[in-house]
C-alpha atoms as a PDB file:
ATOM      1  CA  MET A   1     -25.412 103.872  -7.474  1.00  0.00           C
ATOM      2  CA  THR A   2     -22.428 101.634  -6.524  1.00  0.00           C
ATOM      3  CA  ILE A   3     -19.272 103.498  -7.264  1.00  0.00           C
ATOM      4  CA  SER A   4     -15.906 101.363  -8.285  1.00  0.00           C
ATOM      5  CA  THR A   5     -12.909 101.567  -6.483  1.00  0.00           C
ATOM      6  CA  ARG A   6     -11.318 102.783  -9.712  1.00  0.00           C
ATOM      7  CA  ASP A   7     -14.140 105.792 -10.025  1.00  0.00           C
ATOM      8  CA  ARG A   8     -13.548 106.908  -6.902  1.00  0.00           C
ATOM      9  CA  ALA A   9      -9.309 107.036  -6.998  1.00  0.00           C
ATOM     10  CA  LEU A  10      -9.704 109.065  -9.973  1.00  0.00           C
ATOM     11  CA  PHE A  11     -12.214 111.444  -8.276  1.00  0.00           C
ATOM     12  CA  PHE A  12      -9.890 111.383  -5.276  1.00  0.00           C
ATOM     13  CA  HIS A  13      -6.812 112.726  -7.570  1.00  0.00           C
ATOM     14  CA  GLN A  14      -9.324 115.499  -8.623  1.00  0.00           C
ATOM     15  CA  LEU A  15      -9.898 116.821  -5.383  1.00  0.00           C
ATOM     16  CA  HIS A  16      -5.879 117.895  -5.299  1.00  0.00           C
ATOM     17  CA  ARG A  17      -5.965 121.085  -7.043  1.00  0.00           C
ATOM     18  CA  LYS A  18      -3.148 123.834  -6.828  1.00  0.00           C
ATOM     19  CA  GLY A  19      -4.522 126.893  -5.157  1.00  0.00           C
ATOM     20  CA  GLN A  20      -7.670 125.288  -4.079  1.00  0.00           C
ATOM     21  CA  PRO A  21      -6.787 122.739  -1.965  1.00  0.00           C
ATOM     22  CA  LEU A  22      -8.239 119.423  -0.114  1.00  0.00           C
ATOM     23  CA  VAL A  23      -8.589 119.830   3.214  1.00  0.00           C
ATOM     24  CA  LEU A  24      -8.803 116.874   5.606  1.00  0.00           C
ATOM     25  CA  PRO A  25      -9.059 116.843   8.754  1.00  0.00           C
ATOM     26  CA  ASN A  26      -7.567 113.446   9.891  1.00  0.00           C
ATOM     27  CA  ALA A  27      -9.537 110.179  11.418  1.00  0.00           C
ATOM     28  CA  TRP A  28      -8.972 107.388  13.212  1.00  0.00           C
ATOM     29  CA  ASP A  29     -11.584 104.869  14.065  1.00  0.00           C
ATOM     30  CA  VAL A  30     -15.642 105.184  12.683  1.00  0.00           C
ATOM     31  CA  ALA A  31     -17.109 107.302  14.574  1.00  0.00           C
ATOM     32  CA  SER A  32     -14.414 110.226  13.900  1.00  0.00           C
ATOM     33  CA  ALA A  33     -14.634 109.294  10.241  1.00  0.00           C
ATOM     34  CA  ARG A  34     -18.309 109.862  10.469  1.00  0.00           C
ATOM     35  CA  ILE A  35     -18.013 113.004  12.101  1.00  0.00           C
ATOM     36  CA  VAL A  36     -15.403 114.240   9.334  1.00  0.00           C
ATOM     37  CA  GLU A  37     -17.806 113.279   6.936  1.00  0.00           C
ATOM     38  CA  ASP A  38     -20.719 114.687   7.896  1.00  0.00           C
ATOM     39  CA  ALA A  39     -18.719 117.688   8.959  1.00  0.00           C
ATOM     40  CA  GLY A  40     -18.327 118.116   5.073  1.00  0.00           C
ATOM     41  CA  ALA A  41     -15.062 116.695   3.937  1.00  0.00           C
ATOM     42  CA  PRO A  42     -14.935 115.436   0.369  1.00  0.00           C
ATOM     43  CA  ALA A  43     -12.867 112.676   1.605  1.00  0.00           C
ATOM     44  CA  VAL A  44     -11.403 111.152   5.072  1.00  0.00           C
ATOM     45  CA  ALA A  45      -7.680 110.782   5.597  1.00  0.00           C
ATOM     46  CA  THR A  46      -6.672 108.607   8.781  1.00  0.00           C
ATOM     47  CA  THR A  47      -3.992 109.495  10.769  1.00  0.00           C
ATOM     48  CA  SER A  48      -1.296 106.631  11.553  1.00  0.00           C
ATOM     49  CA  ALA A  49      -0.562 107.887  15.163  1.00  0.00           C
ATOM     50  CA  GLY A  50      -4.306 108.277  15.953  1.00  0.00           C
ATOM     51  CA  VAL A  51      -5.035 104.548  14.715  1.00  0.00           C
ATOM     52  CA  ALA A  52      -2.313 103.482  16.484  1.00  0.00           C
ATOM     53  CA  TRP A  53      -2.887 105.013  19.794  1.00  0.00           C
ATOM     54  CA  ALA A  54      -6.645 103.861  19.656  1.00  0.00           C
ATOM     55  CA  LEU A  55      -5.342 100.505  19.300  1.00  0.00           C
ATOM     56  CA  GLY A  56      -2.683 100.757  22.004  1.00  0.00           C
ATOM     57  CA  ALA A  57       0.315 100.932  19.876  1.00  0.00           C
ATOM     58  CA  PRO A  58       2.815 104.266  19.834  1.00  0.00           C
ATOM     59  CA  ASP A  59       3.264 105.909  16.842  1.00  0.00           C
ATOM     60  CA  GLY A  60       6.267 104.711  14.656  1.00  0.00           C
ATOM     61  CA  ASP A  61       5.856 101.661  12.803  1.00  0.00           C
ATOM     62  CA  GLN A  62       4.717  99.988  16.026  1.00  0.00           C
ATOM     63  CA  LEU A  63       1.523  98.887  15.371  1.00  0.00           C
ATOM     64  CA  ASP A  64       0.793  95.329  13.861  1.00  0.00           C
ATOM     65  CA  ARG A  65       0.416  95.359  10.390  1.00  0.00           C
ATOM     66  CA  GLU A  66      -3.232  93.309  10.078  1.00  0.00           C
ATOM     67  CA  LEU A  67      -4.494  95.608  12.891  1.00  0.00           C
ATOM     68  CA  ALA A  68      -3.829  98.704  10.793  1.00  0.00           C
ATOM     69  CA  ILE A  69      -5.290  97.661   7.771  1.00  0.00           C
ATOM     70  CA  THR A  70      -8.286  96.247   9.535  1.00  0.00           C
ATOM     71  CA  ALA A  71      -8.876  99.380  11.008  1.00  0.00           C
ATOM     72  CA  THR A  72      -8.098 101.322   7.844  1.00  0.00           C
ATOM     73  CA  ALA A  73     -10.864  98.844   6.250  1.00  0.00           C
ATOM     74  CA  ARG A  74     -13.466 100.014   8.782  1.00  0.00           C
ATOM     75  CA  VAL A  75     -12.885 103.120   8.081  1.00  0.00           C
ATOM     76  CA  ALA A  76     -13.810 103.216   4.445  1.00  0.00           C
ATOM     77  CA  ALA A  77     -16.363 100.562   4.960  1.00  0.00           C
ATOM     78  CA  ALA A  78     -18.036 103.532   6.912  1.00  0.00           C
ATOM     79  CA  VAL A  79     -18.086 106.606   4.583  1.00  0.00           C
ATOM     80  CA  SER A  80     -19.514 107.317   1.427  1.00  0.00           C
ATOM     81  CA  VAL A  81     -16.508 109.469   0.567  1.00  0.00           C
ATOM     82  CA  PRO A  82     -12.699 108.542  -0.540  1.00  0.00           C
ATOM     83  CA  VAL A  83     -10.617 107.081   1.945  1.00  0.00           C
ATOM     84  CA  THR A  84      -6.694 107.954   1.887  1.00  0.00           C
ATOM     85  CA  ALA A  85      -4.799 105.973   4.667  1.00  0.00           C
ATOM     86  CA  ASP A  86      -1.833 107.078   6.173  1.00  0.00           C
ATOM     87  CA  LEU A  87       0.488 104.217   6.231  1.00  0.00           C
ATOM     88  CA  GLU A  88       3.576 104.997   7.947  1.00  0.00           C
ATOM     89  CA  SER A  89       6.373 103.537   6.063  1.00  0.00           C
ATOM     90  CA  GLY A  90       4.114 101.062   4.958  1.00  0.00           C
ATOM     91  CA  PHE A  91       4.404  98.296   7.160  1.00  0.00           C
ATOM     92  CA  GLY A  92       6.778  96.398   5.593  1.00  0.00           C
ATOM     93  CA  ALA A  93      10.348  95.984   5.715  1.00  0.00           C
ATOM     94  CA  THR A  94      10.837  95.582   2.167  1.00  0.00           C
ATOM     95  CA  ALA A  95       9.211  96.885  -1.113  1.00  0.00           C
ATOM     96  CA  ASP A  96       7.303  93.548  -1.529  1.00  0.00           C
ATOM     97  CA  GLU A  97       5.990  93.791   1.978  1.00  0.00           C
ATOM     98  CA  VAL A  98       5.070  97.477   1.350  1.00  0.00           C
ATOM     99  CA  ALA A  99       2.835  96.111  -2.132  1.00  0.00           C
ATOM    100  CA  ASP A 100       1.338  93.326  -0.016  1.00  0.00           C
ATOM    101  CA  THR A 101       0.074  96.291   2.213  1.00  0.00           C
ATOM    102  CA  ILE A 102      -1.348  98.254  -0.725  1.00  0.00           C
ATOM    103  CA  ARG A 103      -2.954  95.060  -2.000  1.00  0.00           C
ATOM    104  CA  GLN A 104      -4.908  94.570   0.946  1.00  0.00           C
ATOM    105  CA  VAL A 105      -6.153  98.103   1.596  1.00  0.00           C
ATOM    106  CA  VAL A 106      -6.828  98.600  -1.968  1.00  0.00           C
ATOM    107  CA  ASP A 107      -8.940  95.394  -1.990  1.00  0.00           C
ATOM    108  CA  ALA A 108     -10.549  97.268   1.483  1.00  0.00           C
ATOM    109  CA  GLY A 109     -11.906 100.437  -0.914  1.00  0.00           C
ATOM    110  CA  VAL A 110      -8.947 102.678  -0.223  1.00  0.00           C
ATOM    111  CA  VAL A 111      -7.856 105.037  -3.019  1.00  0.00           C
ATOM    112  CA  GLY A 112      -4.830 106.915  -1.564  1.00  0.00           C
ATOM    113  CA  VAL A 113      -2.226 106.624   0.786  1.00  0.00           C
ATOM    114  CA  ASN A 114       0.440 108.181   2.458  1.00  0.00           C
ATOM    115  CA  LEU A 115       4.079 106.228   2.345  1.00  0.00           C
ATOM    116  CA  GLU A 116       6.614 108.429   4.747  1.00  0.00           C
ATOM    117  CA  ASP A 117      10.257 107.900   4.339  1.00  0.00           C
ATOM    118  CA  ALA A 118      11.402 108.149   7.775  1.00  0.00           C
ATOM    119  CA  LEU A 119      13.002 105.646   9.665  1.00  0.00           C
ATOM    120  CA  ALA A 120      11.658 104.921  13.462  1.00  0.00           C
ATOM    121  CA  SER A 121      14.532 103.217  14.301  1.00  0.00           C
ATOM    122  CA  GLY A 122      18.861 103.135  12.992  1.00  0.00           C
ATOM    123  CA  SER A 123      21.460 105.685  13.333  1.00  0.00           C
ATOM    124  CA  THR A 124      19.808 107.831   9.813  1.00  0.00           C
ATOM    125  CA  PRO A 125      17.070 109.717  10.340  1.00  0.00           C
ATOM    126  CA  LEU A 126      15.445 109.284   6.952  1.00  0.00           C
ATOM    127  CA  ARG A 127      15.877 105.798   4.629  1.00  0.00           C
ATOM    128  CA  PRO A 128      17.970 106.100   1.136  1.00  0.00           C
ATOM    129  CA  ALA A 129      16.117 108.143  -1.287  1.00  0.00           C
ATOM    130  CA  GLU A 130      16.575 104.897  -3.729  1.00  0.00           C
ATOM    131  CA  GLU A 131      15.512 102.309  -1.204  1.00  0.00           C
ATOM    132  CA  GLN A 132      12.529 104.966  -1.167  1.00  0.00           C
ATOM    133  CA  ALA A 133      11.850 105.002  -4.617  1.00  0.00           C
ATOM    134  CA  GLU A 134      11.858 101.226  -4.707  1.00  0.00           C
ATOM    135  CA  ARG A 135       9.078 100.730  -2.160  1.00  0.00           C
ATOM    136  CA  LEU A 136       7.137 103.728  -4.018  1.00  0.00           C
ATOM    137  CA  ALA A 137       7.504 101.619  -7.204  1.00  0.00           C
ATOM    138  CA  ALA A 138       6.231  98.500  -5.522  1.00  0.00           C
ATOM    139  CA  ALA A 139       3.320 100.124  -4.029  1.00  0.00           C
ATOM    140  CA  ARG A 140       2.181 101.409  -7.726  1.00  0.00           C
ATOM    141  CA  ARG A 141       2.866  98.303  -9.290  1.00  0.00           C
ATOM    142  CA  ALA A 142       0.601  96.392  -6.846  1.00  0.00           C
ATOM    143  CA  ALA A 143      -2.043  99.297  -7.214  1.00  0.00           C
ATOM    144  CA  GLU A 144      -2.099  98.750 -11.358  1.00  0.00           C
ATOM    145  CA  ALA A 145      -2.353  95.321 -10.877  1.00  0.00           C
ATOM    146  CA  ALA A 146      -5.784  95.704  -8.967  1.00  0.00           C
ATOM    147  CA  ASN A 147      -6.366  98.607 -12.006  1.00  0.00           C
ATOM    148  CA  VAL A 148      -7.002 101.214  -9.330  1.00  0.00           C
ATOM    149  CA  PRO A 149      -5.046 104.217  -9.799  1.00  0.00           C
ATOM    150  CA  LEU A 150      -4.093 105.131  -6.398  1.00  0.00           C
ATOM    151  CA  TYR A 151      -3.198 108.332  -5.054  1.00  0.00           C
ATOM    152  CA  ILE A 152       0.177 107.754  -3.633  1.00  0.00           C
ATOM    153  CA  ASN A 153       1.429 110.850  -1.308  1.00  0.00           C
ATOM    154  CA  ALA A 154       4.856 110.888  -0.871  1.00  0.00           C
ATOM    155  CA  ARG A 155       5.824 111.740   2.429  1.00  0.00           C
ATOM    156  CA  VAL A 156       9.396 114.016   2.835  1.00  0.00           C
ATOM    157  CA  ASP A 157      10.334 113.764   6.346  1.00  0.00           C
ATOM    158  CA  THR A 158      13.566 116.330   6.041  1.00  0.00           C
ATOM    159  CA  TYR A 159      12.053 119.125   8.102  1.00  0.00           C
ATOM    160  CA  LEU A 160      10.189 117.028  10.101  1.00  0.00           C
ATOM    161  CA  ARG A 161      13.399 115.056  11.161  1.00  0.00           C
ATOM    162  CA  THR A 162      15.608 118.038  10.949  1.00  0.00           C
ATOM    163  CA  VAL A 163      17.799 116.347   8.472  1.00  0.00           C
ATOM    164  CA  GLY A 164      21.177 118.357   8.049  1.00  0.00           C
ATOM    165  CA  ASP A 165      21.993 121.786   9.830  1.00  0.00           C
ATOM    166  CA  ASP A 166      21.920 124.175   6.636  1.00  0.00           C
ATOM    167  CA  PRO A 167      18.640 125.278   5.433  1.00  0.00           C
ATOM    168  CA  GLU A 168      19.535 125.627   1.832  1.00  0.00           C
ATOM    169  CA  ALA A 169      20.752 121.841   2.007  1.00  0.00           C
ATOM    170  CA  ARG A 170      17.884 120.961   3.490  1.00  0.00           C
ATOM    171  CA  LEU A 171      15.696 122.357   0.726  1.00  0.00           C
ATOM    172  CA  GLN A 172      17.541 120.723  -1.851  1.00  0.00           C
ATOM    173  CA  GLU A 173      17.263 117.453  -0.379  1.00  0.00           C
ATOM    174  CA  THR A 174      13.625 117.981   0.041  1.00  0.00           C
ATOM    175  CA  LEU A 175      13.462 118.777  -3.899  1.00  0.00           C
ATOM    176  CA  ASP A 176      15.626 116.194  -4.857  1.00  0.00           C
ATOM    177  CA  ARG A 177      13.611 113.453  -2.681  1.00  0.00           C
ATOM    178  CA  ALA A 178      10.453 114.886  -4.405  1.00  0.00           C
ATOM    179  CA  ARG A 179      11.490 113.878  -7.695  1.00  0.00           C
ATOM    180  CA  THR A 180      13.272 111.088  -7.108  1.00  0.00           C
ATOM    181  CA  TYR A 181       9.284 110.057  -5.698  1.00  0.00           C
ATOM    182  CA  LEU A 182       7.389 111.503  -8.336  1.00  0.00           C
ATOM    183  CA  ALA A 183       9.888 109.312 -11.067  1.00  0.00           C
ATOM    184  CA  ALA A 184       9.443 106.377  -9.088  1.00  0.00           C
ATOM    185  CA  GLY A 185       5.384 106.623  -9.076  1.00  0.00           C
ATOM    186  CA  ALA A 186       4.171 109.020  -6.566  1.00  0.00           C
ATOM    187  CA  SER A 187       1.151 111.014  -7.262  1.00  0.00           C
ATOM    188  CA  GLY A 188       1.658 113.597  -5.167  1.00  0.00           C
ATOM    189  CA  ILE A 189       4.293 114.998  -2.297  1.00  0.00           C
ATOM    190  CA  PHE A 190       3.651 115.642   1.509  1.00  0.00           C
ATOM    191  CA  VAL A 191       6.271 117.597   3.477  1.00  0.00           C
ATOM    192  CA  PRO A 192       5.192 117.964   7.236  1.00  0.00           C
ATOM    193  CA  ALA A 193       6.672 120.731   9.561  1.00  0.00           C
ATOM    194  CA  VAL A 194       7.895 123.055   6.540  1.00  0.00           C
ATOM    195  CA  PRO A 195       9.062 125.996   8.524  1.00  0.00           C
ATOM    196  CA  ASP A 196       7.549 129.090   6.486  1.00  0.00           C
ATOM    197  CA  VAL A 197       5.506 130.300   3.884  1.00  0.00           C
ATOM    198  CA  GLU A 198       8.799 131.474   1.947  1.00  0.00           C
ATOM    199  CA  THR A 199      10.053 127.488   2.332  1.00  0.00           C
ATOM    200  CA  VAL A 200       6.066 126.699   1.023  1.00  0.00           C
ATOM    201  CA  ALA A 201       6.122 128.581  -2.053  1.00  0.00           C
ATOM    202  CA  THR A 202       9.394 127.214  -3.319  1.00  0.00           C
ATOM    203  CA  LEU A 203       8.318 123.925  -3.066  1.00  0.00           C
ATOM    204  CA  VAL A 204       5.065 124.789  -4.909  1.00  0.00           C
ATOM    205  CA  ARG A 205       7.104 126.379  -7.193  1.00  0.00           C
ATOM    206  CA  GLU A 206       9.846 123.395  -7.799  1.00  0.00           C
ATOM    207  CA  VAL A 207       7.640 120.246  -7.132  1.00  0.00           C
ATOM    208  CA  ASP A 208       5.775 118.966 -10.365  1.00  0.00           C
ATOM    209  CA  ALA A 209       2.780 117.650  -8.310  1.00  0.00           C
ATOM    210  CA  PRO A 210       0.269 118.186  -6.002  1.00  0.00           C
ATOM    211  CA  LEU A 211       1.816 119.521  -2.438  1.00  0.00           C
ATOM    212  CA  ASN A 212       0.087 118.585   1.234  1.00  0.00           C
ATOM    213  CA  ILE A 213       1.466 120.671   3.947  1.00  0.00           C
ATOM    214  CA  LEU A 214       0.729 119.716   7.204  1.00  0.00           C
ATOM    215  CA  PRO A 215       0.709 122.731   9.554  1.00  0.00           C
ATOM    216  CA  LEU A 216       2.135 122.636  12.891  1.00  0.00           C
ATOM    217  CA  LYS A 217       1.452 125.985  14.668  1.00  0.00           C
ATOM    218  CA  GLN A 218       3.192 127.797  11.833  1.00  0.00           C
ATOM    219  CA  PRO A 219       2.228 131.709  11.480  1.00  0.00           C
ATOM    220  CA  GLY A 220       0.485 132.382   9.106  1.00  0.00           C
ATOM    221  CA  PHE A 221      -0.452 128.792   7.732  1.00  0.00           C
ATOM    222  CA  THR A 222      -4.048 129.148   7.625  1.00  0.00           C
ATOM    223  CA  VAL A 223      -5.877 127.459   4.557  1.00  0.00           C
ATOM    224  CA  PRO A 224      -6.744 130.550   3.032  1.00  0.00           C
ATOM    225  CA  GLU A 225      -2.893 131.414   3.111  1.00  0.00           C
ATOM    226  CA  LEU A 226      -1.737 127.846   2.012  1.00  0.00           C
ATOM    227  CA  ALA A 227      -4.387 127.992  -1.123  1.00  0.00           C
ATOM    228  CA  ARG A 228      -2.979 131.518  -1.989  1.00  0.00           C
ATOM    229  CA  LEU A 229       0.567 129.619  -1.993  1.00  0.00           C
ATOM    230  CA  GLY A 230      -0.734 127.148  -4.366  1.00  0.00           C
ATOM    231  CA  VAL A 231      -1.250 124.103  -1.964  1.00  0.00           C
ATOM    232  CA  ALA A 232      -3.334 121.495  -3.126  1.00  0.00           C
ATOM    233  CA  ARG A 233      -3.743 119.728   0.221  1.00  0.00           C
ATOM    234  CA  ILE A 234      -3.860 120.838   3.932  1.00  0.00           C
ATOM    235  CA  SER A 235      -4.189 117.840   6.650  1.00  0.00           C
ATOM    236  CA  LEU A 236      -3.648 117.952  10.206  1.00  0.00           C
ATOM    237  CA  GLY A 237      -2.131 114.308  11.216  1.00  0.00           C
ATOM    238  CA  ALA A 238      -2.835 113.553  14.609  1.00  0.00           C
ATOM    239  CA  GLY A 239      -4.146 117.076  15.650  1.00  0.00           C
ATOM    240  CA  LEU A 240      -7.674 116.469  15.999  1.00  0.00           C
ATOM    241  CA  ALA A 241      -6.835 113.098  17.851  1.00  0.00           C
ATOM    242  CA  ALA A 242      -4.415 114.306  20.051  1.00  0.00           C
ATOM    243  CA  ALA A 243      -7.077 117.501  20.870  1.00  0.00           C
ATOM    244  CA  ALA A 244      -9.684 114.943  21.731  1.00  0.00           C
ATOM    245  CA  TYR A 245      -7.296 112.846  24.062  1.00  0.00           C
ATOM    246  CA  ALA A 246      -6.239 116.154  25.930  1.00  0.00           C
ATOM    247  CA  VAL A 247     -10.101 116.929  26.272  1.00  0.00           C
ATOM    248  CA  VAL A 248     -10.115 112.908  28.355  1.00  0.00           C
ATOM    249  CA  ARG A 249      -7.279 114.677  29.980  1.00  0.00           C
ATOM    250  CA  ARG A 250      -8.824 117.895  31.282  1.00  0.00           C
ATOM    251  CA  SER A 251     -12.120 116.464  32.154  1.00  0.00           C
ATOM    252  CA  ALA A 252     -10.688 113.090  33.790  1.00  0.00           C
ATOM    253  CA  LYS A 253      -8.179 115.728  35.982  1.00  0.00           C
ATOM    254  CA  GLU A 254     -11.163 118.086  37.039  1.00  0.00           C
ATOM    255  CA  LEU A 255     -13.694 115.566  37.897  1.00  0.00           C
ATOM    256  CA  LEU A 256     -10.931 113.497  40.401  1.00  0.00           C
ATOM    257  CA  THR A 257      -9.652 117.196  41.502  1.00  0.00           C
ATOM    258  CA  GLU A 258     -12.617 119.499  41.483  1.00  0.00           C
ATOM    259  CA  GLY A 259     -16.053 116.713  41.473  1.00  0.00           C
ATOM    260  CA  THR A 260     -17.165 119.113  38.544  1.00  0.00           C
ATOM    261  CA  TYR A 261     -17.227 118.389  35.167  1.00  0.00           C
ATOM    262  CA  THR A 262     -17.189 121.956  33.342  1.00  0.00           C
ATOM    263  CA  GLU A 263     -14.854 120.277  30.570  1.00  0.00           C
ATOM    264  CA  LEU A 264     -17.663 118.329  28.882  1.00  0.00           C
ATOM    265  CA  ALA A 265     -19.383 121.404  27.612  1.00  0.00           C
ATOM    266  CA  GLY A 266     -20.369 120.980  23.944  1.00  0.00           C
ATOM    267  CA  ALA A 267     -19.952 117.158  23.872  1.00  0.00           C
ATOM    268  CA  LEU A 268     -21.945 115.338  21.048  1.00  0.00           C
ATOM    269  CA  THR A 269     -24.986 114.080  22.691  1.00  0.00           C
ATOM    270  CA  HIS A 270     -25.560 110.025  22.978  1.00  0.00           C
ATOM    271  CA  PRO A 271     -28.127 110.131  20.120  1.00  0.00           C
ATOM    272  CA  GLU A 272     -26.018 112.148  18.052  1.00  0.00           C
ATOM    273  CA  ILE A 273     -23.389 110.191  17.993  1.00  0.00           C
ATOM    274  CA  ASN A 274     -25.490 106.940  17.607  1.00  0.00           C
ATOM    275  CA  ALA A 275     -27.110 108.379  14.564  1.00  0.00           C
ATOM    276  CA  LEU A 276     -23.603 108.856  13.191  1.00  0.00           C
ATOM    277  CA  ILE A 277     -22.922 105.257  13.621  1.00  0.00           C
ATOM    278  CA  ALA A 278     -25.711 103.893  12.669  1.00  0.00           C
ATOM    279  CA  ARG A 279     -25.736 105.461   9.090  1.00  0.00           C
ATOM    280  CA  ASN A 280     -25.419 103.488   6.407  1.00  0.00           C
ATOM    281  CA  THR A 281     -25.055 100.651   8.462  1.00  0.00           C
END
């Protein structure tokens, strides 16, 4: 039975449950997406950094939009579970351009997106909240025009970009931005690099929407602990892609210096990967 993009999007919304988080090991190409799906993930999320690296661009709004959309479309076509795409800041200088990006990824079958408020260049680390709200509203209108209840995960980069020197002011800025983005049409709020469980608990309590946390080696940020705090979504961002490239570097150095290849222990077999790629093609 073929499931419509609209029904897939509604199901994806339902996966965000406070205290029963949607756990997303982020993928960056068809093979990694198939591996994540095969591991049991109920949805696949792309990582913008991983996609950019795989296509020869640095992360941070450096990847060509058409390349990003094509890569995302391939992932969406390759798996049977819902796909949410990390679109950096929307691959557009204006709200209208962001809307065009959204139209294209929705047409490709994507049912969720991340849109961040960080600026890759300029004198300030974050886009003004009102301007970001306009971009989110444009994304919502584009999705509604396609009759798809797109899950818009609005990323607030106050902690990732260390905005301000005062922790209380940073928290307040995060909450203010979250409320502004939700009013503009966001479905959930994504706050990477939250420093401690106390701040996570405050965000869960004060943000009236599903909260997405990206743990960056913080002590205590396990899935069970974040679930206990009421987090609704946990993702690894570029973590899996970076770990995969670390294996490449270690293996290459070992082979070139020691002449051995013990770092390849545990690798998937050629038939295993072929079977994953061939499935549903």
